[in-house]
Structures are given as C-alpha cells and as structure tokens.
Amino acid sequence: MSTKTSVENSIDTNLPTQGLGGISATDLRGEMKAVLNFANELTLNAQSGNYTVTSDDQVIPVDDSAGDVTLTLPAASTMVEMVVRVKKTEASGFSTIIQADGTETIDGSNTHTLSTQWDVAVLYSTGTEWLLL
C-alpha cells in the first residue's frame, strides 16, 4: 500500500464522525485529502553544491554547510508561470545564492541570497523575469 493510500485510510478512520468545529466530517476529510494530493504532486530535489535549476524542480532544500551554494535559474522564458521554492536548511555561516539567468532579474536584482537557516524563497517566472512571492 502506498503512503498516500495509507494516510488517506487513516484520515477516513481517525477523524471524528460528527465533524470538527462546525465542519462536517465529509468536508473535513475532503479538505485533508486535497492537501495530501497537493503535497504528493511536489517534487523535492535536495542540493548541497552549485546547481542549475530545471523545469522539473519544484522544491529545493539546500545544505550549504560546506560553503556557499549557487542555484542558477533557467531563462524565465523557458519557465513561464512556473514556481520554484528554495529553502536554506543549514545554520552554517554560508549562504544559498539564487542567480537569475544572464541579465534577467529576481525582483529587480540579478541575485537573491538566503543567509539564515530556514530562509525560504518562492520564485515565480513571468516569462521575462522572476518574482519573489
């Protein structure tokens, strides 16, 4: 049995039958399953060294404990309306640097730096630039 099926079965058997806080049990089950489905659709691609982001990357946790790590974004035109999430996972004195392609920008700058553990950047491609959300 897959983890997803196992969790869905747990949602069905462990939620109170009368619902919770004015939300029916049926609605609550549906909402929890929707969250589970969304989480299962995201791909995780952990990195610990310099890396060029691809269209397959959605969530990139970065271990920069050995030194600064640079993630280079592809041309925004190749990632129109795509979202990439980057998270710095280490408390090292090093940084995770997100580099736009060529002369493109991330909120008006060519780079965006994550310098504190648990810092997150959610980047959205407009087709001509990257925006921080």
Protein backbone atom coordinates (compact mmCIF):
# COMPACT_ATOMS: atom_id res chain seq x y z
CA MET A 1 0.00 0.00 0.00
CA SER A 2 1.36 3.40 -0.92
CA THR A 3 1.99 6.05 1.73
CA LYS A 4 -0.71 8.20 0.14
CA THR A 5 -3.32 5.41 0.37
CA SER A 6 -2.25 4.64 3.94
CA VAL A 7 -2.65 8.27 5.01
CA GLU A 8 -6.00 8.57 3.21
CA ASN A 9 -7.24 5.46 5.04
CA SER A 10 -6.03 6.96 8.31
CA ILE A 11 -7.94 10.18 7.56
CA ASP A 12 -11.10 8.14 6.92
CA THR A 13 -10.82 6.04 10.09
CA ASN A 14 -9.42 8.52 12.62
CA LEU A 15 -11.48 11.67 12.08
CA PRO A 16 -14.48 12.13 14.35
CA THR A 17 -17.71 11.07 12.66
CA GLN A 18 -19.53 14.21 13.84
CA GLY A 19 -17.00 16.57 12.26
CA LEU A 20 -14.99 19.26 13.98
CA GLY A 21 -15.72 22.89 14.87
CA GLY A 22 -18.85 23.17 12.73
CA ILE A 23 -17.21 21.48 9.71
CA SER A 24 -18.85 18.25 8.66
CA ALA A 25 -16.74 15.11 8.76
CA THR A 26 -17.22 14.68 4.99
CA ASP A 27 -15.98 18.22 4.25
CA LEU A 28 -13.04 17.83 6.65
CA ARG A 29 -12.00 14.54 5.02
CA GLY A 30 -12.21 16.12 1.57
CA GLU A 31 -10.07 19.11 2.58
CA MET A 32 -7.42 16.92 4.21
CA LYS A 33 -7.24 14.68 1.14
CA ALA A 34 -6.89 17.73 -1.13
CA VAL A 35 -3.90 18.91 0.94
CA LEU A 36 -2.39 15.42 0.77
CA ASN A 37 -2.82 15.31 -3.03
CA PHE A 38 -1.18 18.74 -3.43
CA ALA A 39 1.80 17.72 -1.27
CA ASN A 40 2.25 14.49 -3.24
CA GLU A 41 2.47 16.43 -6.51
CA LEU A 42 5.51 18.47 -5.44
CA THR A 43 8.94 17.11 -6.28
CA LEU A 44 11.83 17.53 -3.87
CA ASN A 45 15.38 17.91 -5.20
CA ALA A 46 17.89 18.46 -2.37
CA GLN A 47 21.18 20.14 -3.28
CA SER A 48 24.49 20.68 -1.48
CA GLY A 49 26.55 22.16 -4.31
CA ASN A 50 26.16 24.59 -7.19
CA TYR A 51 23.22 23.58 -9.36
CA THR A 52 21.27 24.74 -12.41
CA VAL A 53 17.53 24.63 -11.77
CA THR A 54 15.40 22.72 -14.31
CA SER A 55 11.72 22.72 -15.19
CA ASP A 56 11.34 19.55 -13.08
CA ASP A 57 12.41 21.33 -9.87
CA GLN A 58 9.67 22.49 -7.54
CA VAL A 59 11.13 22.34 -4.03
CA ILE A 60 14.89 22.64 -3.48
CA PRO A 61 16.19 22.28 0.09
CA VAL A 62 19.82 23.43 0.18
CA ASP A 63 22.54 22.18 2.51
CA ASP A 64 25.21 24.89 2.36
CA SER A 65 27.21 23.61 5.36
CA ALA A 66 30.36 23.10 3.23
CA GLY A 67 30.31 26.53 1.55
CA ASP A 68 28.20 28.96 -0.41
CA VAL A 69 25.86 27.26 -2.87
CA THR A 70 24.67 28.98 -6.05
CA LEU A 71 21.46 27.89 -7.72
CA THR A 72 21.23 29.26 -11.26
CA LEU A 73 17.75 29.79 -12.61
CA PRO A 74 16.97 28.94 -16.23
CA ALA A 75 15.77 31.65 -18.60
CA ALA A 76 12.39 32.87 -17.36
CA SER A 77 11.02 32.40 -20.89
CA THR A 78 11.53 28.62 -20.54
CA MET A 79 9.66 28.50 -17.21
CA VAL A 80 6.60 30.72 -17.83
CA GLU A 81 4.22 30.65 -14.83
CA MET A 82 6.37 28.07 -13.03
CA VAL A 83 7.03 28.28 -9.30
CA VAL A 84 10.27 27.16 -7.65
CA ARG A 85 10.69 27.01 -3.87
CA VAL A 86 14.16 27.16 -2.29
CA LYS A 87 14.88 26.60 1.42
CA LYS A 88 18.21 27.01 3.23
CA THR A 89 18.38 24.12 5.70
CA GLU A 90 21.69 24.73 7.48
CA ALA A 91 22.77 27.12 10.25
CA SER A 92 26.23 27.48 8.69
CA GLY A 93 27.82 30.85 8.09
CA PHE A 94 27.49 30.18 4.37
CA SER A 95 24.76 31.37 2.01
CA THR A 96 22.48 29.99 -0.66
CA ILE A 97 22.63 32.33 -3.64
CA ILE A 98 19.90 32.25 -6.28
CA GLN A 99 21.23 33.60 -9.59
CA ALA A 100 18.98 34.76 -12.44
CA ASP A 101 19.88 33.78 -16.00
CA GLY A 102 22.07 36.30 -17.87
CA THR A 103 20.71 39.81 -17.43
CA GLU A 104 17.33 38.67 -16.09
CA THR A 105 16.28 39.72 -12.62
CA ILE A 106 14.75 38.43 -9.42
CA ASP A 107 12.66 41.33 -8.10
CA GLY A 108 14.96 43.77 -9.88
CA SER A 109 18.27 42.21 -8.84
CA ASN A 110 20.38 39.59 -10.58
CA THR A 111 20.69 37.53 -7.37
CA HIS A 112 18.76 36.77 -4.21
CA THR A 113 20.58 35.44 -1.12
CA LEU A 114 19.32 33.20 1.66
CA SER A 115 21.67 33.67 4.61
CA THR A 116 19.78 32.39 7.67
CA GLN A 117 18.74 28.82 8.39
CA TRP A 118 15.13 28.18 7.30
CA ASP A 119 15.08 31.21 4.95
CA VAL A 120 12.78 30.49 2.01
CA ALA A 121 12.43 31.97 -1.47
CA VAL A 122 9.35 31.24 -3.56
CA LEU A 123 10.10 32.31 -7.13
CA TYR A 124 7.59 32.78 -9.94
CA SER A 125 8.52 33.18 -13.60
CA THR A 126 6.59 35.83 -15.56
CA GLY A 127 8.31 34.73 -18.75
CA THR A 128 10.63 37.74 -18.73
CA GLU A 129 11.77 37.88 -15.10
CA TRP A 130 11.50 36.10 -11.75
CA LEU A 131 9.36 37.45 -8.91
CA LEU A 132 9.71 36.64 -5.22
CA LEU A 133 6.32 35.76 -3.77
